[in-house]
Amino acid sequence: QVQLVESGGGVVQAGDSLRLSCVASGGTFWRNSMGWFRQTPGKEREFVASISGNGGSTYSANTMKGRFTISRDNAKNTVYLQMNSLKPEDTAVYYCAARSSGVVTTSAVDYWGQGTQVTVSS
């Protein structure tokens, strides 16, 4: 069983940056594809980015490419989401996700974190 704990959310102004972190415990972190999703009230959870176990491959939603970057540190069992040039429409709860085999995608997630709130004011 893999447990995921996110941190780093908060209230920022438009144009600011934030870095989210997700620490994983249990399982074998370096084997897991990791990812980030976000969700706003009344909407479906939205894919943000994912990264392969060794960090060699990354995938990002087109709407966030160039602003959001996913990375991981396998020595720390941690995956990050660097968010730059934040916009009010980025306001959401951001969730960390893991998959034991294969790449994290919208329809393929084995474990979820509890989420961290990001609020961007205009």
N, C-alpha and C. Protein backbone atom coordinates (compact mmCIF):
# COMPACT_ATOMS: atom_id res chain seq x y z
N GLN A 1 0.84 -1.19 0.00
CA GLN A 1 0.00 0.00 0.00
C GLN A 1 0.88 1.24 0.00
N VAL A 2 0.59 2.16 -0.89
CA VAL A 2 1.35 3.40 -1.00
C VAL A 2 0.55 4.54 -0.38
N GLN A 3 1.18 5.31 0.46
CA GLN A 3 0.56 6.52 1.02
C GLN A 3 1.24 7.73 0.41
N LEU A 4 0.43 8.71 0.05
CA LEU A 4 0.91 9.93 -0.57
C LEU A 4 0.46 11.13 0.25
N VAL A 5 1.40 12.02 0.56
CA VAL A 5 1.08 13.21 1.34
C VAL A 5 1.59 14.44 0.60
N GLU A 6 0.66 15.30 0.20
CA GLU A 6 1.01 16.52 -0.51
C GLU A 6 1.24 17.67 0.47
N SER A 7 2.03 18.62 0.02
CA SER A 7 2.23 19.86 0.78
C SER A 7 2.64 20.96 -0.19
N GLY A 8 2.63 22.19 0.30
CA GLY A 8 3.09 23.30 -0.51
C GLY A 8 2.00 24.19 -1.07
N GLY A 9 0.76 23.80 -0.89
CA GLY A 9 -0.32 24.65 -1.36
C GLY A 9 -0.44 25.92 -0.54
N GLY A 10 -1.25 26.84 -1.02
CA GLY A 10 -1.44 28.09 -0.28
C GLY A 10 -2.16 29.10 -1.12
N VAL A 11 -2.15 30.34 -0.63
CA VAL A 11 -2.80 31.46 -1.32
C VAL A 11 -1.70 32.35 -1.88
N VAL A 12 -1.76 32.56 -3.18
CA VAL A 12 -0.77 33.41 -3.84
C VAL A 12 -1.48 34.37 -4.78
N GLN A 13 -0.73 35.31 -5.31
CA GLN A 13 -1.29 36.24 -6.27
C GLN A 13 -0.96 35.80 -7.69
N ALA A 14 -1.75 36.27 -8.62
CA ALA A 14 -1.51 35.97 -10.03
C ALA A 14 -0.08 36.37 -10.40
N GLY A 15 0.59 35.48 -11.15
CA GLY A 15 1.97 35.74 -11.54
C GLY A 15 3.00 35.12 -10.61
N ASP A 16 2.57 34.71 -9.43
CA ASP A 16 3.48 34.10 -8.47
C ASP A 16 3.78 32.65 -8.85
N SER A 17 4.71 32.07 -8.09
CA SER A 17 5.08 30.67 -8.27
C SER A 17 4.84 29.89 -6.99
N LEU A 18 4.63 28.61 -7.14
CA LEU A 18 4.51 27.69 -6.00
C LEU A 18 5.14 26.37 -6.40
N ARG A 19 5.68 25.67 -5.42
CA ARG A 19 6.15 24.32 -5.66
C ARG A 19 5.43 23.37 -4.71
N LEU A 20 4.72 22.44 -5.30
CA LEU A 20 4.06 21.41 -4.52
C LEU A 20 4.97 20.21 -4.36
N SER A 21 4.85 19.55 -3.23
CA SER A 21 5.62 18.34 -2.97
C SER A 21 4.69 17.21 -2.60
N CYS A 22 5.10 16.01 -2.91
CA CYS A 22 4.33 14.83 -2.54
C CYS A 22 5.32 13.77 -2.09
N VAL A 23 5.21 13.39 -0.83
CA VAL A 23 6.08 12.36 -0.28
C VAL A 23 5.34 11.04 -0.26
N ALA A 24 5.98 10.02 -0.79
CA ALA A 24 5.38 8.69 -0.85
C ALA A 24 6.02 7.78 0.18
N SER A 25 5.21 6.92 0.77
CA SER A 25 5.70 5.89 1.68
C SER A 25 5.01 4.58 1.33
N GLY A 26 5.70 3.48 1.64
CA GLY A 26 5.17 2.18 1.24
C GLY A 26 5.50 1.93 -0.21
N GLY A 27 5.50 0.70 -0.63
CA GLY A 27 5.79 0.39 -2.01
C GLY A 27 7.24 0.66 -2.37
N THR A 28 7.53 0.68 -3.64
CA THR A 28 8.88 0.93 -4.15
C THR A 28 8.80 2.17 -5.02
N PHE A 29 9.18 3.30 -4.44
CA PHE A 29 8.92 4.58 -5.08
C PHE A 29 9.51 4.67 -6.48
N TRP A 30 10.73 4.20 -6.63
CA TRP A 30 11.40 4.40 -7.90
C TRP A 30 10.74 3.63 -9.04
N ARG A 31 9.92 2.66 -8.68
CA ARG A 31 9.22 1.90 -9.71
C ARG A 31 7.90 2.56 -10.12
N ASN A 32 7.41 3.48 -9.29
CA ASN A 32 6.08 4.03 -9.52
C ASN A 32 6.12 5.24 -10.45
N SER A 33 5.26 5.21 -11.44
CA SER A 33 4.98 6.44 -12.16
C SER A 33 4.19 7.34 -11.21
N MET A 34 4.48 8.62 -11.23
CA MET A 34 3.80 9.59 -10.36
C MET A 34 3.16 10.67 -11.20
N GLY A 35 2.16 11.30 -10.62
CA GLY A 35 1.50 12.36 -11.38
C GLY A 35 0.80 13.35 -10.48
N TRP A 36 0.33 14.41 -11.11
CA TRP A 36 -0.46 15.44 -10.44
C TRP A 36 -1.74 15.67 -11.22
N PHE A 37 -2.82 15.84 -10.47
CA PHE A 37 -4.13 16.18 -11.01
C PHE A 37 -4.66 17.37 -10.22
N ARG A 38 -5.69 18.00 -10.74
CA ARG A 38 -6.33 19.07 -9.99
C ARG A 38 -7.83 19.01 -10.20
N GLN A 39 -8.54 19.58 -9.24
CA GLN A 39 -10.01 19.54 -9.30
C GLN A 39 -10.60 20.77 -8.66
N THR A 40 -11.59 21.32 -9.32
CA THR A 40 -12.37 22.43 -8.77
C THR A 40 -13.80 21.94 -8.52
N PRO A 41 -14.53 22.59 -7.62
CA PRO A 41 -15.88 22.12 -7.29
C PRO A 41 -16.77 22.00 -8.52
N GLY A 42 -17.44 20.88 -8.62
CA GLY A 42 -18.38 20.67 -9.70
C GLY A 42 -17.75 20.21 -11.00
N LYS A 43 -16.43 20.04 -11.01
CA LYS A 43 -15.75 19.61 -12.23
C LYS A 43 -15.03 18.30 -12.00
N GLU A 44 -14.75 17.60 -13.08
CA GLU A 44 -14.00 16.36 -12.99
C GLU A 44 -12.53 16.65 -12.69
N ARG A 45 -11.91 15.65 -12.10
CA ARG A 45 -10.48 15.79 -11.81
C ARG A 45 -9.73 15.87 -13.14
N GLU A 46 -8.79 16.81 -13.21
CA GLU A 46 -8.09 17.13 -14.46
C GLU A 46 -6.63 16.72 -14.37
N PHE A 47 -6.13 16.05 -15.38
CA PHE A 47 -4.73 15.66 -15.45
C PHE A 47 -3.86 16.91 -15.60
N VAL A 48 -2.77 16.95 -14.83
CA VAL A 48 -1.82 18.06 -14.92
C VAL A 48 -0.52 17.58 -15.55
N ALA A 49 0.09 16.57 -14.94
CA ALA A 49 1.38 16.08 -15.43
C ALA A 49 1.69 14.74 -14.81
N SER A 50 2.56 13.98 -15.47
CA SER A 50 3.04 12.72 -14.90
C SER A 50 4.49 12.50 -15.26
N ILE A 51 5.12 11.59 -14.53
CA ILE A 51 6.54 11.33 -14.72
C ILE A 51 6.81 9.86 -14.51
N SER A 52 7.71 9.31 -15.29
CA SER A 52 8.05 7.89 -15.18
C SER A 52 8.87 7.62 -13.93
N GLY A 53 9.05 6.35 -13.63
CA GLY A 53 9.74 5.97 -12.40
C GLY A 53 11.15 6.51 -12.29
N ASN A 54 11.87 6.51 -13.40
CA ASN A 54 13.26 7.01 -13.36
C ASN A 54 13.36 8.48 -13.71
N GLY A 55 12.22 9.11 -13.94
CA GLY A 55 12.20 10.54 -14.26
C GLY A 55 12.57 10.87 -15.68
N GLY A 56 12.79 9.85 -16.50
CA GLY A 56 13.25 10.10 -17.86
C GLY A 56 12.18 10.56 -18.82
N SER A 57 10.94 10.32 -18.47
CA SER A 57 9.83 10.72 -19.34
C SER A 57 8.82 11.52 -18.53
N THR A 58 8.39 12.63 -19.11
CA THR A 58 7.36 13.44 -18.47
C THR A 58 6.26 13.74 -19.47
N TYR A 59 5.08 13.96 -18.95
CA TYR A 59 3.91 14.26 -19.78
C TYR A 59 3.15 15.39 -19.09
N SER A 60 2.72 16.38 -19.86
CA SER A 60 2.01 17.51 -19.29
C SER A 60 0.77 17.83 -20.11
N ALA A 61 -0.23 18.31 -19.43
CA ALA A 61 -1.41 18.79 -20.14
C ALA A 61 -1.04 19.98 -21.00
N ASN A 62 -1.59 20.06 -22.17
CA ASN A 62 -1.23 21.12 -23.11
C ASN A 62 -1.47 22.51 -22.52
N THR A 63 -2.52 22.64 -21.75
CA THR A 63 -2.87 23.96 -21.22
C THR A 63 -1.88 24.44 -20.17
N MET A 64 -1.06 23.54 -19.65
CA MET A 64 -0.13 23.91 -18.60
C MET A 64 1.34 23.79 -19.01
N LYS A 65 1.57 23.34 -20.23
CA LYS A 65 2.95 23.23 -20.69
C LYS A 65 3.61 24.60 -20.71
N GLY A 66 4.86 24.62 -20.28
CA GLY A 66 5.58 25.87 -20.24
C GLY A 66 5.44 26.61 -18.92
N ARG A 67 4.42 26.31 -18.15
CA ARG A 67 4.24 26.95 -16.85
C ARG A 67 4.46 25.97 -15.69
N PHE A 68 4.02 24.73 -15.87
CA PHE A 68 4.12 23.72 -14.81
C PHE A 68 5.17 22.69 -15.21
N THR A 69 5.98 22.28 -14.24
CA THR A 69 7.01 21.29 -14.48
C THR A 69 6.98 20.24 -13.38
N ILE A 70 6.93 18.97 -13.77
CA ILE A 70 6.96 17.89 -12.81
C ILE A 70 8.38 17.33 -12.74
N SER A 71 8.79 16.95 -11.53
CA SER A 71 10.10 16.35 -11.34
C SER A 71 10.01 15.42 -10.13
N ARG A 72 11.05 14.65 -9.92
CA ARG A 72 11.06 13.73 -8.78
C ARG A 72 12.46 13.56 -8.25
N ASP A 73 12.53 13.21 -6.98
CA ASP A 73 13.79 12.88 -6.32
C ASP A 73 13.59 11.51 -5.68
N ASN A 74 14.08 10.48 -6.31
CA ASN A 74 13.84 9.13 -5.81
C ASN A 74 14.56 8.87 -4.49
N ALA A 75 15.63 9.60 -4.23
CA ALA A 75 16.32 9.44 -2.96
C ALA A 75 15.47 9.96 -1.80
N LYS A 76 14.54 10.85 -2.10
CA LYS A 76 13.67 11.43 -1.06
C LYS A 76 12.25 10.94 -1.17
N ASN A 77 11.99 10.01 -2.08
CA ASN A 77 10.62 9.50 -2.30
C ASN A 77 9.64 10.65 -2.52
N THR A 78 10.05 11.62 -3.28
CA THR A 78 9.26 12.84 -3.43
C THR A 78 9.10 13.21 -4.89
N VAL A 79 7.91 13.64 -5.24
CA VAL A 79 7.63 14.19 -6.55
C VAL A 79 7.20 15.64 -6.36
N TYR A 80 7.59 16.49 -7.29
CA TYR A 80 7.32 17.92 -7.19
C TYR A 80 6.50 18.40 -8.38
N LEU A 81 5.80 19.50 -8.16
CA LEU A 81 5.16 20.21 -9.25
C LEU A 81 5.52 21.69 -9.09
N GLN A 82 6.36 22.17 -9.96
CA GLN A 82 6.74 23.58 -9.97
C GLN A 82 5.73 24.33 -10.83
N MET A 83 5.06 25.30 -10.25
CA MET A 83 4.04 26.05 -10.96
C MET A 83 4.45 27.51 -11.02
N ASN A 84 4.62 28.01 -12.22
CA ASN A 84 5.04 29.39 -12.44
C ASN A 84 3.93 30.18 -13.14
N SER A 85 4.02 31.48 -13.04
CA SER A 85 3.06 32.37 -13.71
C SER A 85 1.63 31.93 -13.43
N LEU A 86 1.34 31.75 -12.18
CA LEU A 86 0.02 31.24 -11.80
C LEU A 86 -1.09 32.21 -12.16
N LYS A 87 -2.23 31.63 -12.52
CA LYS A 87 -3.40 32.40 -12.92
C LYS A 87 -4.56 32.05 -11.98
N PRO A 88 -5.54 32.93 -11.86
CA PRO A 88 -6.69 32.62 -11.01
C PRO A 88 -7.37 31.30 -11.40
N GLU A 89 -7.36 30.97 -12.69
CA GLU A 89 -7.99 29.72 -13.13
C GLU A 89 -7.20 28.48 -12.73
N ASP A 90 -6.01 28.66 -12.17
CA ASP A 90 -5.26 27.53 -11.63
C ASP A 90 -5.73 27.16 -10.22
N THR A 91 -6.60 27.96 -9.66
CA THR A 91 -7.13 27.67 -8.33
C THR A 91 -7.84 26.33 -8.34
N ALA A 92 -7.42 25.44 -7.44
CA ALA A 92 -7.97 24.09 -7.40
C ALA A 92 -7.35 23.34 -6.22
N VAL A 93 -7.89 22.18 -5.95
CA VAL A 93 -7.21 21.23 -5.07
C VAL A 93 -6.32 20.37 -5.96
N TYR A 94 -5.05 20.28 -5.60
CA TYR A 94 -4.10 19.52 -6.39
C TYR A 94 -3.82 18.19 -5.69
N TYR A 95 -3.92 17.13 -6.47
CA TYR A 95 -3.77 15.78 -5.94
C TYR A 95 -2.54 15.10 -6.54
N CYS A 96 -1.84 14.40 -5.69
CA CYS A 96 -0.74 13.55 -6.11
C CYS A 96 -1.29 12.16 -6.42
N ALA A 97 -0.70 11.50 -7.41
CA ALA A 97 -1.17 10.18 -7.82
C ALA A 97 0.01 9.27 -8.10
N ALA A 98 -0.21 7.98 -7.93
CA ALA A 98 0.83 7.00 -8.20
C ALA A 98 0.24 5.78 -8.90
N ARG A 99 1.08 5.17 -9.70
CA ARG A 99 0.67 3.94 -10.38
C ARG A 99 1.83 2.97 -10.29
N SER A 100 1.52 1.74 -9.91
CA SER A 100 2.57 0.76 -9.66
C SER A 100 3.21 0.25 -10.95
N SER A 101 2.43 0.14 -12.01
CA SER A 101 2.93 -0.39 -13.26
C SER A 101 2.34 0.42 -14.40
N GLY A 102 3.19 0.99 -15.23
CA GLY A 102 2.69 1.82 -16.30
C GLY A 102 2.65 3.28 -15.90
N VAL A 103 2.38 4.12 -16.86
CA VAL A 103 2.40 5.56 -16.64
C VAL A 103 1.06 6.04 -16.07
N VAL A 104 1.12 6.98 -15.16
CA VAL A 104 -0.10 7.60 -14.65
C VAL A 104 -0.79 8.34 -15.78
N THR A 105 -2.05 8.04 -15.97
CA THR A 105 -2.88 8.77 -16.92
C THR A 105 -4.21 9.09 -16.26
N THR A 106 -5.05 9.78 -16.97
CA THR A 106 -6.35 10.16 -16.42
C THR A 106 -7.13 8.93 -15.96
N SER A 107 -7.02 7.82 -16.68
CA SER A 107 -7.80 6.63 -16.38
C SER A 107 -6.99 5.55 -15.69
N ALA A 108 -5.79 5.84 -15.29
CA ALA A 108 -4.91 4.81 -14.70
C ALA A 108 -4.15 5.38 -13.51
N VAL A 109 -4.74 5.25 -12.35
CA VAL A 109 -4.12 5.67 -11.09
C VAL A 109 -4.44 4.60 -10.04
N ASP A 110 -3.41 4.19 -9.31
CA ASP A 110 -3.61 3.19 -8.26
C ASP A 110 -3.80 3.84 -6.88
N TYR A 111 -3.12 4.96 -6.65
CA TYR A 111 -3.16 5.61 -5.33
C TYR A 111 -3.32 7.12 -5.48
N TRP A 112 -4.04 7.69 -4.54
CA TRP A 112 -4.26 9.15 -4.50
C TRP A 112 -3.83 9.70 -3.15
N GLY A 113 -3.34 10.94 -3.18
CA GLY A 113 -3.14 11.68 -1.95
C GLY A 113 -4.42 12.37 -1.55
N GLN A 114 -4.35 13.10 -0.43
CA GLN A 114 -5.54 13.78 0.09
C GLN A 114 -5.76 15.13 -0.57
N GLY A 115 -4.77 15.66 -1.21
CA GLY A 115 -4.92 16.93 -1.91
C GLY A 115 -4.40 18.12 -1.11
N THR A 116 -4.00 19.14 -1.82
CA THR A 116 -3.57 20.40 -1.21
C THR A 116 -4.19 21.55 -2.00
N GLN A 117 -4.73 22.52 -1.28
CA GLN A 117 -5.45 23.62 -1.92
C GLN A 117 -4.47 24.68 -2.43
N VAL A 118 -4.68 25.08 -3.66
CA VAL A 118 -3.95 26.21 -4.24
C VAL A 118 -4.97 27.25 -4.64
N THR A 119 -4.80 28.46 -4.13
CA THR A 119 -5.70 29.56 -4.44
C THR A 119 -4.89 30.70 -5.02
N VAL A 120 -5.28 31.13 -6.22
CA VAL A 120 -4.57 32.22 -6.89
C VAL A 120 -5.52 33.40 -6.99
N SER A 121 -5.14 34.50 -6.37
CA SER A 121 -6.00 35.68 -6.39
C SER A 121 -5.54 36.62 -7.51
N SER A 122 -6.50 37.36 -8.03
CA SER A 122 -6.18 38.28 -9.15
C SER A 122 -5.77 39.64 -8.65
